[in-house]
Protein backbone atom coordinates (compact mmCIF):
# COMPACT_ATOMS: atom_id res chain seq x y z
CA MET A 1 2.09 -3.46 -7.14
CA ASN A 2 5.13 -5.18 -8.55
CA TYR A 3 7.17 -7.26 -6.23
CA ARG A 4 10.45 -5.59 -5.37
CA GLU A 5 13.10 -6.04 -2.73
CA THR A 6 11.62 -5.16 0.63
CA GLU A 7 14.44 -3.13 1.94
CA HIS A 8 12.57 0.04 2.70
CA LEU A 9 8.80 -0.23 2.85
CA ARG A 10 6.16 2.38 3.75
CA VAL A 11 4.22 0.81 6.59
CA LEU A 12 0.93 1.77 8.07
CA ILE A 13 0.38 0.52 11.63
CA ALA A 14 -3.04 0.40 13.22
CA ASN A 15 -4.27 -0.52 16.65
CA GLU A 16 -6.83 0.84 19.10
CA ARG A 17 -4.23 1.31 21.76
CA LYS A 18 -1.71 4.16 21.49
CA ASP A 19 0.77 2.36 23.69
CA ARG A 20 0.91 -0.54 21.22
CA LEU A 21 1.47 1.84 18.29
CA ALA A 22 4.32 3.37 20.16
CA LEU A 23 5.94 -0.10 20.65
CA LEU A 24 5.41 -1.18 17.04
CA ALA A 25 6.99 1.83 15.38
CA PRO A 26 10.56 1.18 16.52
CA ILE A 27 10.27 -2.41 15.55
CA VAL A 28 9.19 -1.57 12.09
CA ALA A 29 12.01 1.05 11.83
CA SER A 30 14.55 -1.49 13.06
CA LEU A 31 13.65 -3.66 10.00
CA GLY A 32 14.61 -0.63 7.80
CA HIS A 33 11.05 0.50 7.05
CA GLU A 34 9.28 3.81 7.53
CA VAL A 35 6.06 4.05 9.54
CA ILE A 36 4.02 6.51 7.36
CA ALA A 37 0.89 6.46 9.49
CA ARG A 38 -0.30 5.36 12.93
CA GLU A 39 -4.11 4.93 13.11
CA ILE A 40 -6.38 4.29 15.96
CA ASP A 41 -9.84 5.21 14.54
CA VAL A 42 -11.73 2.96 12.22
CA ALA A 43 -13.41 6.00 10.67
CA ASP A 44 -10.00 7.48 9.63
CA VAL A 45 -8.05 4.41 8.51
CA GLY A 46 -9.56 4.07 5.09
CA LEU A 47 -8.85 7.70 4.14
CA VAL A 48 -5.31 7.45 5.50
CA THR A 49 -4.74 4.32 3.51
CA ALA A 50 -6.02 5.88 0.24
CA ARG A 51 -3.95 9.07 0.89
CA GLU A 52 -0.69 7.49 1.92
CA ARG A 53 -0.73 4.31 -0.17
CA PRO A 54 1.33 2.18 2.16
CA ASP A 55 3.28 -0.90 0.92
CA VAL A 56 1.92 -3.00 3.87
CA ALA A 57 -0.27 -2.50 6.83
CA LEU A 58 0.05 -4.07 10.27
CA VAL A 59 -3.05 -4.22 12.29
CA GLY A 60 -2.77 -5.11 15.90
CA LEU A 61 -5.47 -6.80 18.01
CA GLY A 62 -6.05 -4.58 20.98
CA GLN A 63 -8.75 -4.89 23.51
CA SER A 64 -11.74 -5.08 21.01
CA SER A 65 -11.67 -7.64 18.28
CA GLU A 66 -14.53 -5.78 16.55
CA HIS A 67 -12.25 -2.73 16.41
CA ALA A 68 -9.40 -4.67 14.84
CA LEU A 69 -11.73 -6.26 12.39
CA GLY A 70 -13.13 -2.73 11.38
CA LEU A 71 -9.53 -1.54 10.89
CA ILE A 72 -8.90 -4.57 8.55
CA GLU A 73 -12.02 -4.05 6.60
CA LYS A 74 -11.36 -0.38 5.94
CA ILE A 75 -7.74 -0.94 4.81
CA VAL A 76 -8.71 -4.00 2.65
CA HIS A 77 -11.53 -1.94 1.08
CA GLU A 78 -8.96 0.50 -0.15
CA ALA A 79 -7.07 -2.49 -1.76
CA SER A 80 -3.83 -0.65 -1.87
CA CYS A 81 -1.74 -2.95 0.23
CA PRO A 82 -1.80 -6.29 2.00
CA VAL A 83 -2.80 -6.37 5.68
CA ILE A 84 -0.93 -8.47 8.18
CA LEU A 85 -2.62 -9.16 11.48
CA LEU A 86 -0.49 -8.76 14.53
CA ILE A 87 -1.53 -10.71 17.59
CA HIS A 88 0.09 -11.19 21.04
CA ALA A 89 -1.04 -14.88 21.50
CA PRO A 90 -2.58 -17.57 19.37
CA ASP A 91 -6.26 -17.06 18.66
CA PRO A 92 -7.45 -19.26 15.99
CA ALA A 93 -11.09 -18.01 16.06
CA PHE A 94 -10.11 -14.45 15.67
CA VAL A 95 -7.55 -15.17 13.00
CA LYS A 96 -10.39 -16.97 11.10
CA GLU A 97 -12.63 -13.92 11.35
CA ALA A 98 -9.78 -11.72 10.22
CA SER A 99 -9.08 -13.90 7.21
CA LYS A 100 -12.73 -13.45 6.23
CA ARG A 101 -12.04 -9.73 6.20
CA GLY A 102 -9.09 -10.04 3.92
CA ILE A 103 -5.83 -10.37 5.84
CA PHE A 104 -2.94 -12.00 3.95
CA ALA A 105 -1.18 -13.36 7.01
CA TYR A 106 -0.76 -13.08 10.75
CA ILE A 107 2.28 -12.75 13.01
CA THR A 108 2.81 -12.68 16.74
CA ASP A 109 4.54 -9.68 18.33
CA ALA A 110 6.72 -12.13 20.32
CA GLU A 111 8.60 -13.16 17.15
CA THR A 112 9.84 -9.86 15.79
CA LYS A 113 12.91 -11.58 14.24
CA ASP A 114 10.57 -13.35 11.76
CA TRP A 115 8.50 -10.29 10.80
CA GLN A 116 10.61 -9.47 7.70
CA SER A 117 10.33 -13.03 6.30
CA SER A 118 6.54 -12.90 6.76
CA ILE A 119 6.43 -9.46 5.15
CA ASP A 120 8.43 -10.72 2.16
CA ILE A 121 6.01 -13.70 1.68
CA VAL A 122 2.97 -11.52 1.99
CA LEU A 123 4.15 -9.03 -0.56
CA ARG A 124 4.86 -11.96 -3.06
CA ARG A 125 1.39 -13.34 -2.49
CA PHE A 126 -0.23 -9.95 -2.76
CA THR A 127 1.59 -9.39 -6.11
CA GLU A 128 0.44 -12.82 -7.41
CA TYR A 129 -3.13 -12.08 -6.25
CA HIS A 130 -3.23 -8.84 -8.12
CA ASP A 131 -1.60 -10.34 -11.22
CA LEU A 132 -4.30 -12.99 -11.17
CA GLU A 133 -7.03 -10.48 -10.63
CA GLY A 134 -5.78 -8.44 -13.62
CA ALA A 135 -5.66 -11.59 -15.81
CA PHE A 136 -9.19 -12.49 -14.92
CA GLY A 137 -10.26 -8.92 -15.79
CA ARG A 138 -8.45 -9.02 -19.07
CA ARG A 139 -10.00 -12.37 -19.90
CA ALA A 140 -13.60 -11.04 -19.02
CA LEU A 141 -12.93 -8.07 -21.24
CA ILE A 142 -11.92 -10.22 -24.16
CA GLU A 143 -14.90 -12.57 -23.66
CA ARG A 144 -17.26 -9.45 -23.76
CA ALA A 145 -15.68 -8.25 -26.97
CA LYS A 146 -15.84 -11.65 -28.55
CA GLY A 147 -19.66 -11.82 -27.63
CA ILE A 148 -20.22 -8.43 -29.26
CA LEU A 149 -18.36 -9.57 -32.49
CA MET A 150 -20.33 -12.85 -32.44
CA GLU A 151 -23.60 -10.96 -32.22
CA ARG A 152 -22.75 -8.35 -34.80
CA HIS A 153 -21.21 -10.58 -37.37
CA SER A 154 -23.35 -13.72 -36.75
CA ILE A 155 -20.13 -15.77 -36.20
CA ASP A 156 -19.03 -18.48 -33.77
CA GLU A 157 -16.65 -17.89 -30.83
CA ARG A 158 -13.54 -19.19 -32.56
CA SER A 159 -14.09 -16.85 -35.53
CA ALA A 160 -14.76 -13.96 -33.22
CA PHE A 161 -11.39 -14.51 -31.40
CA ALA A 162 -9.54 -14.82 -34.71
CA MET A 163 -11.12 -11.60 -35.91
CA LEU A 164 -10.12 -9.87 -32.67
CA ARG A 165 -6.66 -11.40 -32.74
CA ASP A 166 -6.04 -10.52 -36.42
CA ALA A 167 -7.19 -6.95 -36.07
CA ALA A 168 -4.86 -6.53 -33.03
CA ARG A 169 -1.90 -7.78 -35.12
CA GLN A 170 -2.79 -5.62 -38.06
CA ARG A 171 -3.11 -2.55 -36.04
CA ASN A 172 -0.09 -3.45 -33.85
CA ARG A 173 -2.23 -3.05 -30.73
CA LYS A 174 -2.59 -5.13 -27.55
CA LEU A 175 -5.57 -7.54 -27.76
CA THR A 176 -7.02 -6.08 -24.54
CA ASP A 177 -6.82 -2.52 -26.02
CA LEU A 178 -8.74 -3.50 -29.01
CA ALA A 179 -11.25 -5.42 -26.79
CA THR A 180 -11.71 -2.27 -24.68
CA GLY A 181 -12.54 -0.26 -27.77
CA ILE A 182 -15.10 -2.75 -28.87
CA VAL A 183 -16.71 -3.07 -25.58
CA ASP A 184 -16.68 0.77 -24.95
CA GLY A 185 -17.89 1.40 -28.46
CA HIS A 186 -20.67 -1.07 -28.87
CA LEU A 187 -23.12 0.97 -26.85
CA LEU A 188 -22.98 3.68 -29.49
CA LEU A 189 -23.81 1.26 -32.37
CA PRO A 190 -27.39 0.69 -33.46
CA PRO A 191 -28.87 -2.66 -32.66
CA ASN A 192 -28.68 -5.26 -35.52
């Protein structure tokens, strides 16, 4: 997800209490966002998240902290959007447990005027997180390709990287595309 201005977001709201969902929807709409789903059941929230692909999810702490933690886990498992915990009063122990499940922030429902700023910050951090995750994935892919080249050509790491880089330049291809081809294709090659 690329960071963009947050003028109109698609928001999933989740809480075990229907009355809380009914109160949250107008607040989200007053910020200029669209509530695309209201979920209560832990069993359904993952599927709804995957289907609707919200920009952000607000999960409220209802009567059961286990229910809220279950909602958070299911949404985070889909990894399509950041999750913001919505609590009524400070609860450091619960916030700590929710952070272990993957929330990016928490806000209190008493301070609705600050919600948009919190959402903006969360979206920036979520984008940075995914950018880093992608960079680590690309780095791991290049390292695997270098290892294959080192083994096949009996060369050192520096030479393997130079070979990979030079081939990418000669073919006018991205380094990661060439590395993907090497990693994907090496399983088809006979052993040395």
